[in-house]
Amino acid sequence: MWGEIFTGTGMWNAVVFAIVLVVVAIIVRLIRSTGIEGAAKREHGGEPYYFGNEVPESAHIRASNLYWGFLKTMESYYKPLVGEHTGNVNDFMAWAVLTMAGILLLMFFM
């Protein structure tokens, strides 16, 4: 059949993929079109949600205030990582390289 690509483990049909992609795009467009037009133009549209409280005009809302429950729940995970957070880009890159090396080693030996 036209558009089929045979690989060592099966078959991939580019025409079917393109048709599915178009159908999914149409479905997404239909779902998106049911939304309220101009929602950001309403009275409080575009403002941050502050748990039903009035946000003062000159307020600076810290992320630790907004995500307090999440941070408290994940505290046992985040506490050990705080000591490793130095803010130095070289440290972040070293961790990225070490993580990638570990993943490659796992892939190679499994």
PDB file of N, CA and C in Angstrom:
ATOM      1  N   MET A   1       0.841  -1.182   0.000  1.00  0.00           N
ATOM      2  CA  MET A   1       0.000   0.000   0.000  1.00  0.00           C
ATOM      3  C   MET A   1       0.885   1.244   0.000  1.00  0.00           C
ATOM      4  N   TRP A   2       0.395   2.325  -0.587  1.00  0.00           N
ATOM      5  CA  TRP A   2       1.162   3.552  -0.706  1.00  0.00           C
ATOM      6  C   TRP A   2       1.317   4.218   0.653  1.00  0.00           C
ATOM      7  N   GLY A   3       2.519   4.664   0.970  1.00  0.00           N
ATOM      8  CA  GLY A   3       2.773   5.384   2.207  1.00  0.00           C
ATOM      9  C   GLY A   3       3.231   4.516   3.353  1.00  0.00           C
ATOM     10  N   GLU A   4       3.340   3.208   3.154  1.00  0.00           N
ATOM     11  CA  GLU A   4       3.753   2.326   4.244  1.00  0.00           C
ATOM     12  C   GLU A   4       5.267   2.258   4.334  1.00  0.00           C
ATOM     13  N   ILE A   5       5.757   2.282   5.538  1.00  0.00           N
ATOM     14  CA  ILE A   5       7.185   2.139   5.794  1.00  0.00           C
ATOM     15  C   ILE A   5       7.356   0.905   6.660  1.00  0.00           C
ATOM     16  N   PHE A   6       8.104  -0.068   6.158  1.00  0.00           N
ATOM     17  CA  PHE A   6       8.336  -1.296   6.907  1.00  0.00           C
ATOM     18  C   PHE A   6       9.644  -1.178   7.678  1.00  0.00           C
ATOM     19  N   THR A   7       9.568  -1.454   8.957  1.00  0.00           N
ATOM     20  CA  THR A   7      10.756  -1.435   9.799  1.00  0.00           C
ATOM     21  C   THR A   7      11.029  -2.859  10.258  1.00  0.00           C
ATOM     22  N   GLY A   8      12.042  -3.039  11.041  1.00  0.00           N
ATOM     23  CA  GLY A   8      12.364  -4.370  11.516  1.00  0.00           C
ATOM     24  C   GLY A   8      11.354  -4.919  12.506  1.00  0.00           C
ATOM     25  N   THR A   9      10.555  -4.051  13.105  1.00  0.00           N
ATOM     26  CA  THR A   9       9.609  -4.507  14.126  1.00  0.00           C
ATOM     27  C   THR A   9       8.164  -4.299  13.735  1.00  0.00           C
ATOM     28  N   GLY A  10       7.889  -3.769  12.575  1.00  0.00           N
ATOM     29  CA  GLY A  10       6.498  -3.579  12.194  1.00  0.00           C
ATOM     30  C   GLY A  10       6.344  -2.654  11.014  1.00  0.00           C
ATOM     31  N   MET A  11       5.149  -2.046  10.916  1.00  0.00           N
ATOM     32  CA  MET A  11       4.834  -1.198   9.782  1.00  0.00           C
ATOM     33  C   MET A  11       4.328   0.151  10.288  1.00  0.00           C
ATOM     34  N   TRP A  12       4.665   1.199   9.575  1.00  0.00           N
ATOM     35  CA  TRP A  12       4.220   2.547   9.920  1.00  0.00           C
ATOM     36  C   TRP A  12       3.642   3.163   8.668  1.00  0.00           C
ATOM     37  N   ASN A  13       2.412   3.623   8.731  1.00  0.00           N
ATOM     38  CA  ASN A  13       1.745   4.174   7.567  1.00  0.00           C
ATOM     39  C   ASN A  13       1.639   5.681   7.728  1.00  0.00           C
ATOM     40  N   ALA A  14       2.357   6.401   6.893  1.00  0.00           N
ATOM     41  CA  ALA A  14       2.394   7.861   6.973  1.00  0.00           C
ATOM     42  C   ALA A  14       1.052   8.479   6.621  1.00  0.00           C
ATOM     43  N   VAL A  15       0.305   7.886   5.704  1.00  0.00           N
ATOM     44  CA  VAL A  15      -0.999   8.431   5.306  1.00  0.00           C
ATOM     45  C   VAL A  15      -1.981   8.334   6.468  1.00  0.00           C
ATOM     46  N   VAL A  16      -2.014   7.176   7.140  1.00  0.00           N
ATOM     47  CA  VAL A  16      -2.900   7.017   8.289  1.00  0.00           C
ATOM     48  C   VAL A  16      -2.503   7.998   9.394  1.00  0.00           C
ATOM     49  N   PHE A  17      -1.214   8.170   9.615  1.00  0.00           N
ATOM     50  CA  PHE A  17      -0.744   9.120  10.623  1.00  0.00           C
ATOM     51  C   PHE A  17      -1.217  10.537  10.292  1.00  0.00           C
ATOM     52  N   ALA A  18      -1.103  10.939   9.025  1.00  0.00           N
ATOM     53  CA  ALA A  18      -1.526  12.284   8.625  1.00  0.00           C
ATOM     54  C   ALA A  18      -3.030  12.455   8.808  1.00  0.00           C
ATOM     55  N   ILE A  19      -3.806  11.427   8.474  1.00  0.00           N
ATOM     56  CA  ILE A  19      -5.263  11.502   8.628  1.00  0.00           C
ATOM     57  C   ILE A  19      -5.626  11.608  10.109  1.00  0.00           C
ATOM     58  N   VAL A  20      -5.000  10.801  10.958  1.00  0.00           N
ATOM     59  CA  VAL A  20      -5.261  10.863  12.399  1.00  0.00           C
ATOM     60  C   VAL A  20      -4.869  12.232  12.949  1.00  0.00           C
ATOM     61  N   LEU A  21      -3.755  12.783  12.498  1.00  0.00           N
ATOM     62  CA  LEU A  21      -3.317  14.103  12.945  1.00  0.00           C
ATOM     63  C   LEU A  21      -4.345  15.174  12.586  1.00  0.00           C
ATOM     64  N   VAL A  22      -4.901  15.116  11.385  1.00  0.00           N
ATOM     65  CA  VAL A  22      -5.913  16.094  10.964  1.00  0.00           C
ATOM     66  C   VAL A  22      -7.190  15.922  11.783  1.00  0.00           C
ATOM     67  N   VAL A  23      -7.614  14.680  12.010  1.00  0.00           N
ATOM     68  CA  VAL A  23      -8.828  14.432  12.789  1.00  0.00           C
ATOM     69  C   VAL A  23      -8.656  14.936  14.219  1.00  0.00           C
ATOM     70  N   VAL A  24      -7.510  14.673  14.831  1.00  0.00           N
ATOM     71  CA  VAL A  24      -7.252  15.155  16.188  1.00  0.00           C
ATOM     72  C   VAL A  24      -7.240  16.687  16.213  1.00  0.00           C
ATOM     73  N   ALA A  25      -6.645  17.310  15.208  1.00  0.00           N
ATOM     74  CA  ALA A  25      -6.628  18.778  15.146  1.00  0.00           C
ATOM     75  C   ALA A  25      -8.045  19.342  15.034  1.00  0.00           C
ATOM     76  N   ILE A  26      -8.900  18.683  14.279  1.00  0.00           N
ATOM     77  CA  ILE A  26     -10.289  19.138  14.146  1.00  0.00           C
ATOM     78  C   ILE A  26     -11.021  18.984  15.474  1.00  0.00           C
ATOM     79  N   ILE A  27     -10.814  17.861  16.164  1.00  0.00           N
ATOM     80  CA  ILE A  27     -11.462  17.644  17.457  1.00  0.00           C
ATOM     81  C   ILE A  27     -10.994  18.679  18.471  1.00  0.00           C
ATOM     82  N   VAL A  28      -9.687  18.962  18.501  1.00  0.00           N
ATOM     83  CA  VAL A  28      -9.155  19.978  19.415  1.00  0.00           C
ATOM     84  C   VAL A  28      -9.761  21.336  19.110  1.00  0.00           C
ATOM     85  N   ARG A  29      -9.878  21.671  17.843  1.00  0.00           N
ATOM     86  CA  ARG A  29     -10.462  22.953  17.435  1.00  0.00           C
ATOM     87  C   ARG A  29     -11.929  23.052  17.858  1.00  0.00           C
ATOM     88  N   LEU A  30     -12.673  21.942  17.728  1.00  0.00           N
ATOM     89  CA  LEU A  30     -14.077  21.939  18.142  1.00  0.00           C
ATOM     90  C   LEU A  30     -14.215  22.123  19.651  1.00  0.00           C
ATOM     91  N   ILE A  31     -13.373  21.432  20.416  1.00  0.00           N
ATOM     92  CA  ILE A  31     -13.425  21.574  21.876  1.00  0.00           C
ATOM     93  C   ILE A  31     -13.047  22.993  22.281  1.00  0.00           C
ATOM     94  N   ARG A  32     -12.022  23.536  21.633  1.00  0.00           N
ATOM     95  CA  ARG A  32     -11.565  24.889  21.972  1.00  0.00           C
ATOM     96  C   ARG A  32     -12.603  25.945  21.600  1.00  0.00           C
ATOM     97  N   SER A  33     -13.375  25.692  20.546  1.00  0.00           N
ATOM     98  CA  SER A  33     -14.364  26.680  20.106  1.00  0.00           C
ATOM     99  C   SER A  33     -15.553  26.780  21.053  1.00  0.00           C
ATOM    100  N   THR A  34     -15.707  25.817  21.966  1.00  0.00           N
ATOM    101  CA  THR A  34     -16.817  25.889  22.912  1.00  0.00           C
ATOM    102  C   THR A  34     -16.504  26.798  24.097  1.00  0.00           C
ATOM    103  N   GLY A  35     -15.288  27.298  24.181  1.00  0.00           N
ATOM    104  CA  GLY A  35     -14.897  28.175  25.285  1.00  0.00           C
ATOM    105  C   GLY A  35     -15.537  29.547  25.179  1.00  0.00           C
ATOM    106  N   ILE A  36     -15.412  30.310  26.236  1.00  0.00           N
ATOM    107  CA  ILE A  36     -15.979  31.651  26.282  1.00  0.00           C
ATOM    108  C   ILE A  36     -15.025  32.604  25.585  1.00  0.00           C
ATOM    109  N   GLU A  37     -15.529  33.287  24.568  1.00  0.00           N
ATOM    110  CA  GLU A  37     -14.688  34.259  23.879  1.00  0.00           C
ATOM    111  C   GLU A  37     -14.524  35.503  24.734  1.00  0.00           C
ATOM    112  N   GLY A  38     -13.317  36.017  24.767  1.00  0.00           N
ATOM    113  CA  GLY A  38     -13.055  37.244  25.503  1.00  0.00           C
ATOM    114  C   GLY A  38     -13.091  37.061  27.011  1.00  0.00           C
ATOM    115  N   ALA A  39     -12.745  35.878  27.507  1.00  0.00           N
ATOM    116  CA  ALA A  39     -12.787  35.630  28.946  1.00  0.00           C
ATOM    117  C   ALA A  39     -11.855  36.576  29.700  1.00  0.00           C
ATOM    118  N   ALA A  40     -10.727  36.950  29.104  1.00  0.00           N
ATOM    119  CA  ALA A  40      -9.786  37.838  29.776  1.00  0.00           C
ATOM    120  C   ALA A  40     -10.316  39.269  29.857  1.00  0.00           C
ATOM    121  N   LYS A  41     -11.361  39.599  29.105  1.00  0.00           N
ATOM    122  CA  LYS A  41     -11.897  40.946  29.109  1.00  0.00           C
ATOM    123  C   LYS A  41     -12.976  41.124  30.174  1.00  0.00           C
ATOM    124  N   ARG A  42     -13.293  40.063  30.895  1.00  0.00           N
ATOM    125  CA  ARG A  42     -14.302  40.176  31.946  1.00  0.00           C
ATOM    126  C   ARG A  42     -13.735  40.961  33.127  1.00  0.00           C
ATOM    127  N   GLU A  43     -14.537  41.147  34.138  1.00  0.00           N
ATOM    128  CA  GLU A  43     -14.187  42.029  35.257  1.00  0.00           C
ATOM    129  C   GLU A  43     -12.839  41.678  35.893  1.00  0.00           C
ATOM    130  N   HIS A  44     -12.631  40.411  36.236  1.00  0.00           N
ATOM    131  CA  HIS A  44     -11.388  40.017  36.894  1.00  0.00           C
ATOM    132  C   HIS A  44     -10.552  39.107  36.011  1.00  0.00           C
ATOM    133  N   GLY A  45     -10.791  39.136  34.719  1.00  0.00           N
ATOM    134  CA  GLY A  45     -10.052  38.271  33.816  1.00  0.00           C
ATOM    135  C   GLY A  45      -8.581  38.637  33.764  1.00  0.00           C
ATOM    136  N   GLY A  46      -7.729  37.650  33.805  1.00  0.00           N
ATOM    137  CA  GLY A  46      -6.297  37.880  33.731  1.00  0.00           C
ATOM    138  C   GLY A  46      -5.625  38.139  35.061  1.00  0.00           C
ATOM    139  N   GLU A  47      -6.397  38.269  36.129  1.00  0.00           N
ATOM    140  CA  GLU A  47      -5.811  38.493  37.449  1.00  0.00           C
ATOM    141  C   GLU A  47      -5.480  37.149  38.090  1.00  0.00           C
ATOM    142  N   PRO A  48      -4.479  37.120  38.959  1.00  0.00           N
ATOM    143  CA  PRO A  48      -4.157  35.854  39.620  1.00  0.00           C
ATOM    144  C   PRO A  48      -5.244  35.469  40.620  1.00  0.00           C
ATOM    145  N   TYR A  49      -5.453  34.174  40.775  1.00  0.00           N
ATOM    146  CA  TYR A  49      -6.417  33.686  41.757  1.00  0.00           C
ATOM    147  C   TYR A  49      -5.718  33.605  43.107  1.00  0.00           C
ATOM    148  N   TYR A  50      -6.262  34.291  44.087  1.00  0.00           N
ATOM    149  CA  TYR A  50      -5.645  34.351  45.410  1.00  0.00           C
ATOM    150  C   TYR A  50      -6.593  33.746  46.438  1.00  0.00           C
ATOM    151  N   PHE A  51      -7.133  32.584  46.136  1.00  0.00           N
ATOM    152  CA  PHE A  51      -7.968  31.802  47.034  1.00  0.00           C
ATOM    153  C   PHE A  51      -9.189  32.582  47.521  1.00  0.00           C
ATOM    154  N   GLY A  52      -9.775  33.383  46.667  1.00  0.00           N
ATOM    155  CA  GLY A  52     -10.980  34.113  47.011  1.00  0.00           C
ATOM    156  C   GLY A  52     -10.752  35.392  47.786  1.00  0.00           C
ATOM    157  N   ASN A  53      -9.524  35.695  48.167  1.00  0.00           N
ATOM    158  CA  ASN A  53      -9.240  36.912  48.917  1.00  0.00           C
ATOM    159  C   ASN A  53      -8.956  38.062  47.961  1.00  0.00           C
ATOM    160  N   GLU A  54      -9.181  39.262  48.453  1.00  0.00           N
ATOM    161  CA  GLU A  54      -8.854  40.446  47.669  1.00  0.00           C
ATOM    162  C   GLU A  54      -7.340  40.609  47.612  1.00  0.00           C
ATOM    163  N   VAL A  55      -6.813  40.843  46.436  1.00  0.00           N
ATOM    164  CA  VAL A  55      -5.376  41.058  46.288  1.00  0.00           C
ATOM    165  C   VAL A  55      -5.126  42.556  46.350  1.00  0.00           C
ATOM    166  N   PRO A  56      -4.334  43.025  47.318  1.00  0.00           N
ATOM    167  CA  PRO A  56      -4.050  44.459  47.403  1.00  0.00           C
ATOM    168  C   PRO A  56      -3.348  44.948  46.134  1.00  0.00           C
ATOM    169  N   GLU A  57      -3.539  46.202  45.828  1.00  0.00           N
ATOM    170  CA  GLU A  57      -2.990  46.789  44.599  1.00  0.00           C
ATOM    171  C   GLU A  57      -1.471  46.680  44.547  1.00  0.00           C
ATOM    172  N   SER A  58      -0.808  46.897  45.681  1.00  0.00           N
ATOM    173  CA  SER A  58       0.653  46.880  45.697  1.00  0.00           C
ATOM    174  C   SER A  58       1.200  45.577  46.280  1.00  0.00           C
ATOM    175  N   ALA A  59       0.447  44.511  46.180  1.00  0.00           N
ATOM    176  CA  ALA A  59       0.864  43.250  46.806  1.00  0.00           C
ATOM    177  C   ALA A  59       1.911  42.536  45.955  1.00  0.00           C
ATOM    178  N   HIS A  60       2.832  41.937  46.648  1.00  0.00           N
ATOM    179  CA  HIS A  60       3.805  41.051  46.010  1.00  0.00           C
ATOM    180  C   HIS A  60       3.579  39.670  46.620  1.00  0.00           C
ATOM    181  N   ILE A  61       2.956  38.784  45.866  1.00  0.00           N
ATOM    182  CA  ILE A  61       2.597  37.472  46.379  1.00  0.00           C
ATOM    183  C   ILE A  61       3.733  36.516  46.054  1.00  0.00           C
ATOM    184  N   ARG A  62       4.366  35.980  47.089  1.00  0.00           N
ATOM    185  CA  ARG A  62       5.482  35.062  46.898  1.00  0.00           C
ATOM    186  C   ARG A  62       4.957  33.681  46.533  1.00  0.00           C
ATOM    187  N   ALA A  63       5.741  32.946  45.759  1.00  0.00           N
ATOM    188  CA  ALA A  63       5.356  31.601  45.369  1.00  0.00           C
ATOM    189  C   ALA A  63       5.257  30.682  46.572  1.00  0.00           C
ATOM    190  N   SER A  64       6.057  30.942  47.592  1.00  0.00           N
ATOM    191  CA  SER A  64       5.988  30.097  48.784  1.00  0.00           C
ATOM    192  C   SER A  64       4.636  30.239  49.480  1.00  0.00           C
ATOM    193  N   ASN A  65       3.972  31.370  49.317  1.00  0.00           N
ATOM    194  CA  ASN A  65       2.634  31.540  49.880  1.00  0.00           C
ATOM    195  C   ASN A  65       1.594  30.792  49.064  1.00  0.00           C
ATOM    196  N   LEU A  66       1.704  30.883  47.753  1.00  0.00           N
ATOM    197  CA  LEU A  66       0.708  30.253  46.892  1.00  0.00           C
ATOM    198  C   LEU A  66       0.831  28.738  46.884  1.00  0.00           C
ATOM    199  N   TYR A  67       2.047  28.233  46.934  1.00  0.00           N
ATOM    200  CA  TYR A  67       2.270  26.790  46.832  1.00  0.00           C
ATOM    201  C   TYR A  67       2.650  26.172  48.172  1.00  0.00           C
ATOM    202  N   TRP A  68       2.170  26.744  49.265  1.00  0.00           N
ATOM    203  CA  TRP A  68       2.551  26.272  50.587  1.00  0.00           C
ATOM    204  C   TRP A  68       2.181  24.804  50.787  1.00  0.00           C
ATOM    205  N   GLY A  69       0.976  24.413  50.438  1.00  0.00           N
ATOM    206  CA  GLY A  69       0.531  23.038  50.644  1.00  0.00           C
ATOM    207  C   GLY A  69       1.348  22.043  49.849  1.00  0.00           C
ATOM    208  N   PHE A  70       1.645  22.395  48.614  1.00  0.00           N
ATOM    209  CA  PHE A  70       2.452  21.514  47.768  1.00  0.00           C
ATOM    210  C   PHE A  70       3.858  21.367  48.340  1.00  0.00           C
ATOM    211  N   LEU A  71       4.465  22.491  48.731  1.00  0.00           N
ATOM    212  CA  LEU A  71       5.821  22.435  49.276  1.00  0.00           C
ATOM    213  C   LEU A  71       5.860  21.678  50.596  1.00  0.00           C
ATOM    214  N   LYS A  72       4.838  21.834  51.426  1.00  0.00           N
ATOM    215  CA  LYS A  72       4.792  21.127  52.705  1.00  0.00           C
ATOM    216  C   LYS A  72       4.669  19.622  52.470  1.00  0.00           C
ATOM    217  N   THR A  73       3.877  19.231  51.492  1.00  0.00           N
ATOM    218  CA  THR A  73       3.696  17.822  51.180  1.00  0.00           C
ATOM    219  C   THR A  73       4.978  17.204  50.648  1.00  0.00           C
ATOM    220  N   MET A  74       5.699  17.929  49.810  1.00  0.00           N
ATOM    221  CA  MET A  74       6.907  17.412  49.158  1.00  0.00           C
ATOM    222  C   MET A  74       8.173  17.752  49.937  1.00  0.00           C
ATOM    223  N   GLU A  75       8.039  18.180  51.187  1.00  0.00           N
ATOM    224  CA  GLU A  75       9.184  18.627  51.975  1.00  0.00           C
ATOM    225  C   GLU A  75      10.261  17.555  52.122  1.00  0.00           C
ATOM    226  N   SER A  76       9.853  16.308  52.285  1.00  0.00           N
ATOM    227  CA  SER A  76      10.844  15.233  52.454  1.00  0.00           C
ATOM    228  C   SER A  76      11.665  15.030  51.178  1.00  0.00           C
ATOM    229  N   TYR A  77      11.130  15.419  50.054  1.00  0.00           N
ATOM    230  CA  TYR A  77      11.868  15.326  48.791  1.00  0.00           C
ATOM    231  C   TYR A  77      12.757  16.552  48.582  1.00  0.00           C
ATOM    232  N   TYR A  78      12.240  17.726  48.896  1.00  0.00           N
ATOM    233  CA  TYR A  78      12.967  18.964  48.610  1.00  0.00           C
ATOM    234  C   TYR A  78      14.087  19.270  49.604  1.00  0.00           C
ATOM    235  N   LYS A  79      13.934  18.890  50.871  1.00  0.00           N
ATOM    236  CA  LYS A  79      14.940  19.243  51.875  1.00  0.00           C
ATOM    237  C   LYS A  79      16.345  18.782  51.509  1.00  0.00           C
ATOM    238  N   PRO A  80      16.558  17.518  51.085  1.00  0.00           N
ATOM    239  CA  PRO A  80      17.921  17.107  50.710  1.00  0.00           C
ATOM    240  C   PRO A  80      18.458  17.872  49.491  1.00  0.00           C
ATOM    241  N   LEU A  81      17.566  18.327  48.615  1.00  0.00           N
ATOM    242  CA  LEU A  81      18.008  19.021  47.407  1.00  0.00           C
ATOM    243  C   LEU A  81      18.403  20.464  47.661  1.00  0.00           C
ATOM    244  N   VAL A  82      17.892  21.060  48.732  1.00  0.00           N
ATOM    245  CA  VAL A  82      18.192  22.464  49.019  1.00  0.00           C
ATOM    246  C   VAL A  82      19.684  22.666  49.268  1.00  0.00           C
ATOM    247  N   GLY A  83      20.323  21.729  49.953  1.00  0.00           N
ATOM    248  CA  GLY A  83      21.759  21.839  50.213  1.00  0.00           C
ATOM    249  C   GLY A  83      22.599  21.737  48.945  1.00  0.00           C
ATOM    250  N   GLU A  84      22.102  21.023  47.949  1.00  0.00           N
ATOM    251  CA  GLU A  84      22.832  20.867  46.689  1.00  0.00           C
ATOM    252  C   GLU A  84      22.630  22.061  45.757  1.00  0.00           C
ATOM    253  N   HIS A  85      21.664  22.907  46.038  1.00  0.00           N
ATOM    254  CA  HIS A  85      21.352  24.038  45.170  1.00  0.00           C
ATOM    255  C   HIS A  85      22.293  25.200  45.475  1.00  0.00           C
ATOM    256  N   THR A  86      23.309  25.363  44.628  1.00  0.00           N
ATOM    257  CA  THR A  86      24.289  26.424  44.843  1.00  0.00           C
ATOM    258  C   THR A  86      24.031  27.643  43.968  1.00  0.00           C
ATOM    259  N   GLY A  87      23.286  27.461  42.884  1.00  0.00           N
ATOM    260  CA  GLY A  87      23.046  28.558  41.965  1.00  0.00           C
ATOM    261  C   GLY A  87      24.136  28.699  40.922  1.00  0.00           C
ATOM    262  N   ASN A  88      25.140  27.852  40.970  1.00  0.00           N
ATOM    263  CA  ASN A  88      26.254  27.900  40.020  1.00  0.00           C
ATOM    264  C   ASN A  88      25.898  27.047  38.807  1.00  0.00           C
ATOM    265  N   VAL A  89      25.975  27.626  37.602  1.00  0.00           N
ATOM    266  CA  VAL A  89      25.611  26.919  36.375  1.00  0.00           C
ATOM    267  C   VAL A  89      26.510  25.705  36.157  1.00  0.00           C
ATOM    268  N   ASN A  90      27.761  25.796  36.546  1.00  0.00           N
ATOM    269  CA  ASN A  90      28.667  24.653  36.378  1.00  0.00           C
ATOM    270  C   ASN A  90      28.182  23.441  37.161  1.00  0.00           C
ATOM    271  N   ASP A  91      27.635  23.657  38.341  1.00  0.00           N
ATOM    272  CA  ASP A  91      27.100  22.552  39.132  1.00  0.00           C
ATOM    273  C   ASP A  91      25.900  21.916  38.443  1.00  0.00           C
ATOM    274  N   PHE A  92      25.022  22.756  37.901  1.00  0.00           N
ATOM    275  CA  PHE A  92      23.851  22.222  37.204  1.00  0.00           C
ATOM    276  C   PHE A  92      24.268  21.396  35.986  1.00  0.00           C
ATOM    277  N   MET A  93      25.242  21.892  35.245  1.00  0.00           N
ATOM    278  CA  MET A  93      25.704  21.168  34.063  1.00  0.00           C
ATOM    279  C   MET A  93      26.381  19.855  34.456  1.00  0.00           C
ATOM    280  N   ALA A  94      27.114  19.855  35.558  1.00  0.00           N
ATOM    281  CA  ALA A  94      27.749  18.620  36.026  1.00  0.00           C
ATOM    282  C   ALA A  94      26.682  17.586  36.376  1.00  0.00           C
ATOM    283  N   TRP A  95      25.611  18.020  37.061  1.00  0.00           N
ATOM    284  CA  TRP A  95      24.536  17.091  37.388  1.00  0.00           C
ATOM    285  C   TRP A  95      23.853  16.589  36.121  1.00  0.00           C
ATOM    286  N   ALA A  96      23.667  17.455  35.135  1.00  0.00           N
ATOM    287  CA  ALA A  96      23.036  17.035  33.883  1.00  0.00           C
ATOM    288  C   ALA A  96      23.894  15.999  33.164  1.00  0.00           C
ATOM    289  N   VAL A  97      25.209  16.229  33.106  1.00  0.00           N
ATOM    290  CA  VAL A  97      26.112  15.289  32.433  1.00  0.00           C
ATOM    291  C   VAL A  97      26.150  13.958  33.188  1.00  0.00           C
ATOM    292  N   LEU A  98      26.213  14.015  34.513  1.00  0.00           N
ATOM    293  CA  LEU A  98      26.226  12.776  35.299  1.00  0.00           C
ATOM    294  C   LEU A  98      24.918  11.998  35.147  1.00  0.00           C
ATOM    295  N   THR A  99      23.806  12.700  35.122  1.00  0.00           N
ATOM    296  CA  THR A  99      22.520  12.036  34.941  1.00  0.00           C
ATOM    297  C   THR A  99      22.447  11.375  33.571  1.00  0.00           C
ATOM    298  N   MET A 100      22.874  12.094  32.536  1.00  0.00           N
ATOM    299  CA  MET A 100      22.864  11.526  31.181  1.00  0.00           C
ATOM    300  C   MET A 100      23.795  10.321  31.091  1.00  0.00           C
ATOM    301  N   ALA A 101      24.957  10.392  31.726  1.00  0.00           N
ATOM    302  CA  ALA A 101      25.883   9.257  31.720  1.00  0.00           C
ATOM    303  C   ALA A 101      25.249   8.055  32.414  1.00  0.00           C
ATOM    304  N   GLY A 102      24.578   8.297  33.522  1.00  0.00           N
ATOM    305  CA  GLY A 102      23.895   7.205  34.218  1.00  0.00           C
ATOM    306  C   GLY A 102      22.810   6.567  33.370  1.00  0.00           C
ATOM    307  N   ILE A 103      22.034   7.388  32.686  1.00  0.00           N
ATOM    308  CA  ILE A 103      20.981   6.865  31.817  1.00  0.00           C
ATOM    309  C   ILE A 103      21.587   6.045  30.680  1.00  0.00           C
ATOM    310  N   LEU A 104      22.647   6.567  30.071  1.00  0.00           N
ATOM    311  CA  LEU A 104      23.300   5.827  28.983  1.00  0.00           C
ATOM    312  C   LEU A 104      23.888   4.510  29.468  1.00  0.00           C
ATOM    313  N   LEU A 105      24.477   4.509  30.665  1.00  0.00           N
ATOM    314  CA  LEU A 105      25.002   3.259  31.212  1.00  0.00           C
ATOM    315  C   LEU A 105      23.891   2.248  31.461  1.00  0.00           C
ATOM    316  N   LEU A 106      22.775   2.716  31.998  1.00  0.00           N
ATOM    317  CA  LEU A 106      21.644   1.815  32.207  1.00  0.00           C
ATOM    318  C   LEU A 106      21.128   1.257  30.886  1.00  0.00           C
ATOM    319  N   MET A 107      21.047   2.103  29.871  1.00  0.00           N
ATOM    320  CA  MET A 107      20.589   1.647  28.563  1.00  0.00           C
ATOM    321  C   MET A 107      21.574   0.651  27.950  1.00  0.00           C
ATOM    322  N   PHE A 108      22.846   0.858  28.156  1.00  0.00           N
ATOM    323  CA  PHE A 108      23.875   0.010  27.554  1.00  0.00           C
ATOM    324  C   PHE A 108      23.901  -1.363  28.210  1.00  0.00           C
ATOM    325  N   PHE A 109      23.743  -1.415  29.525  1.00  0.00           N
ATOM    326  CA  PHE A 109      23.882  -2.690  30.233  1.00  0.00           C
ATOM    327  C   PHE A 109      22.554  -3.424  30.435  1.00  0.00           C
ATOM    328  N   MET A 110      21.453  -2.870  30.021  1.00  0.00           N
ATOM    329  CA  MET A 110      20.175  -3.571  30.194  1.00  0.00           C
ATOM    330  C   MET A 110      19.712  -4.180  28.925  1.00  0.00           C
TER     331      MET A 110
END
